[in-house]
C-alpha atoms as a PDB file:
ATOM      1  CA  MET A   1     109.762  83.248  78.036  1.00  0.00           C
ATOM      2  CA  PHE A   2     112.133  86.219  78.179  1.00  0.00           C
ATOM      3  CA  LEU A   3     113.771  87.110  82.198  1.00  0.00           C
ATOM      4  CA  ASP A   4     115.063  90.327  82.589  1.00  0.00           C
ATOM      5  CA  GLU A   5     119.573  89.261  83.236  1.00  0.00           C
ATOM      6  CA  SER A   6     119.272  89.028  87.228  1.00  0.00           C
ATOM      7  CA  THR A   7     116.239  87.079  87.132  1.00  0.00           C
ATOM      8  CA  ASP A   8     118.160  85.066  85.311  1.00  0.00           C
ATOM      9  CA  ARG A   9     120.743  84.898  86.308  1.00  0.00           C
ATOM     10  CA  GLU A  10     119.713  84.318  89.672  1.00  0.00           C
ATOM     11  CA  LEU A  11     117.310  81.502  88.534  1.00  0.00           C
ATOM     12  CA  ARG A  12     120.271  79.852  86.747  1.00  0.00           C
ATOM     13  CA  LEU A  13     122.044  80.176  90.266  1.00  0.00           C
ATOM     14  CA  MET A  14     119.862  78.682  92.050  1.00  0.00           C
ATOM     15  CA  ALA A  15     118.879  75.937  90.106  1.00  0.00           C
ATOM     16  CA  GLN A  16     123.248  75.141  89.833  1.00  0.00           C
ATOM     17  CA  ARG A  17     122.893  75.277  93.839  1.00  0.00           C
ATOM     18  CA  LYS A  18     119.978  73.122  93.840  1.00  0.00           C
ATOM     19  CA  LYS A  19     121.085  70.550  90.646  1.00  0.00           C
ATOM     20  CA  LEU A  20     117.117  71.388  88.962  1.00  0.00           C
ATOM     21  CA  PRO A  21     116.611  72.077  85.721  1.00  0.00           C
ATOM     22  CA  ILE A  22     115.362  75.535  85.379  1.00  0.00           C
ATOM     23  CA  ALA A  23     112.119  73.676  84.404  1.00  0.00           C
ATOM     24  CA  ALA A  24     111.203  72.564  87.038  1.00  0.00           C
ATOM     25  CA  LEU A  25     112.418  75.817  89.140  1.00  0.00           C
ATOM     26  CA  VAL A  26     109.874  77.895  87.026  1.00  0.00           C
ATOM     27  CA  ARG A  27     107.070  74.643  87.681  1.00  0.00           C
ATOM     28  CA  ASP A  28     107.362  75.067  91.462  1.00  0.00           C
ATOM     29  CA  ALA A  29     107.411  78.777  91.153  1.00  0.00           C
ATOM     30  CA  LEU A  30     104.695  79.096  89.225  1.00  0.00           C
ATOM     31  CA  GLY A  31     102.339  76.285  90.833  1.00  0.00           C
ATOM     32  CA  ARG A  32     102.994  78.300  94.359  1.00  0.00           C
ATOM     33  CA  TYR A  33     101.662  81.626  92.850  1.00  0.00           C
ATOM     34  CA  LEU A  34      98.912  80.303  91.337  1.00  0.00           C
ATOM     35  CA  ARG A  35      98.495  79.190  94.745  1.00  0.00           C
ATOM     36  CA  GLU A  36      98.248  81.698  96.158  1.00  0.00           C
ATOM     37  CA  VAL A  37      96.077  83.784  93.352  1.00  0.00           C
ATOM     38  CA  LYS A  38      93.493  81.081  93.933  1.00  0.00           C
ATOM     39  CA  ARG A  39      93.365  81.510  97.849  1.00  0.00           C
ATOM     40  CA  GLY A  40      92.791  85.568  97.010  1.00  0.00           C
ATOM     41  CA  LYS A  41      97.047  85.687  98.160  1.00  0.00           C
ATOM     42  CA  GLY A  42      98.396  86.824  95.047  1.00  0.00           C
ATOM     43  CA  LEU A  43     100.146  90.097  94.805  1.00  0.00           C
ATOM     44  CA  ASN A  44      97.851  91.782  95.906  1.00  0.00           C
ATOM     45  CA  LEU A  45      99.060  94.529  98.082  1.00  0.00           C
ATOM     46  CA  ARG A  46      96.257  95.050 101.037  1.00  0.00           C
ATOM     47  CA  PHE A  47      97.722  98.424 102.455  1.00  0.00           C
ATOM     48  CA  LEU A  48      96.763 100.057  99.032  1.00  0.00           C
ATOM     49  CA  ALA A  49      93.424 101.843 100.522  1.00  0.00           C
ATOM     50  CA  VAL A  50      93.571 101.154 103.654  1.00  0.00           C
ATOM     51  CA  GLY A  51      93.390 104.882 104.744  1.00  0.00           C
ATOM     52  CA  ARG A  52      90.336 106.018 101.888  1.00  0.00           C
ATOM     53  CA  SER A  53      90.069 109.821 103.355  1.00  0.00           C
ATOM     54  CA  GLY A  54      87.396 110.117 101.017  1.00  0.00           C
ATOM     55  CA  HIS A  55      89.440 112.765  99.285  1.00  0.00           C
ATOM     56  CA  HIS A  56      90.415 113.589  96.328  1.00  0.00           C
ATOM     57  CA  ASP A  57      93.026 115.832  96.446  1.00  0.00           C
ATOM     58  CA  THR A  58      94.938 114.488  99.170  1.00  0.00           C
ATOM     59  CA  ALA A  59      98.097 113.687  96.895  1.00  0.00           C
ATOM     60  CA  GLU A  60      97.962 117.617  95.881  1.00  0.00           C
ATOM     61  CA  ARG A  61      97.596 118.549  99.406  1.00  0.00           C
ATOM     62  CA  ALA A  62     100.600 117.072 101.042  1.00  0.00           C
ATOM     63  CA  GLU A  63     102.356 120.101 102.454  1.00  0.00           C
ATOM     64  CA  GLU A  64      99.436 122.208 103.441  1.00  0.00           C
ATOM     65  CA  LEU A  65      97.858 119.251 105.114  1.00  0.00           C
ATOM     66  CA  LEU A  66     101.895 118.182 106.472  1.00  0.00           C
ATOM     67  CA  TRP A  67     102.066 121.043 107.636  1.00  0.00           C
ATOM     68  CA  SER A  68      99.323 123.359 108.801  1.00  0.00           C
ATOM     69  CA  ASP A  69      99.365 122.812 112.676  1.00  0.00           C
ATOM     70  CA  LEU A  70     102.625 124.022 112.333  1.00  0.00           C
ATOM     71  CA  ARG A  71     103.602 127.431 114.278  1.00  0.00           C
ATOM     72  CA  PRO A  72     106.057 129.675 114.152  1.00  0.00           C
ATOM     73  CA  HIS A  73     108.829 129.832 116.964  1.00  0.00           C
ATOM     74  CA  PRO A  74     107.402 133.233 119.630  1.00  0.00           C
ATOM     75  CA  SER A  75     109.758 135.616 118.877  1.00  0.00           C
ATOM     76  CA  ASP A  76     112.352 136.184 122.085  1.00  0.00           C
ATOM     77  CA  ASP A  77     114.505 139.178 121.700  1.00  0.00           C
ATOM     78  CA  ARG A  78     115.997 138.622 125.463  1.00  0.00           C
ATOM     79  CA  ARG A  79     119.048 136.650 125.207  1.00  0.00           C
ATOM     80  CA  ARG A  80     119.094 132.881 125.536  1.00  0.00           C
ATOM     81  CA  THR A  81     121.994 132.072 128.402  1.00  0.00           C
ATOM     82  CA  ARG A  82     123.381 128.197 128.490  1.00  0.00           C
ATOM     83  CA  ILE A  83     122.116 126.539 132.097  1.00  0.00           C
ATOM     84  CA  GLY A  84     124.662 125.544 134.753  1.00  0.00           C
ATOM     85  CA  ARG A  85     128.020 127.723 132.493  1.00  0.00           C
ATOM     86  CA  LYS A  86     129.335 129.826 134.220  1.00  0.00           C
ATOM     87  CA  LYS A  87     131.133 133.312 132.178  1.00  0.00           C
END
């Protein structure tokens, strides 16, 4: 089994702290993972597709959709004064 360096380092440190062989930690982790998958929990990201709109171009139109309701501030040529400030 090949692991990236950071995972390997964390696994080795955990094995040292718990005074267990790496194989025991791996067996335990795989067992837990398989039980979760069997129960349908696994690594499924349940929030994906929650907000399905039925449109296929939403990502392409994101900026347009986000800013469509905004209107520019009305231009006001009058001088504005701050309330409570004496000149």
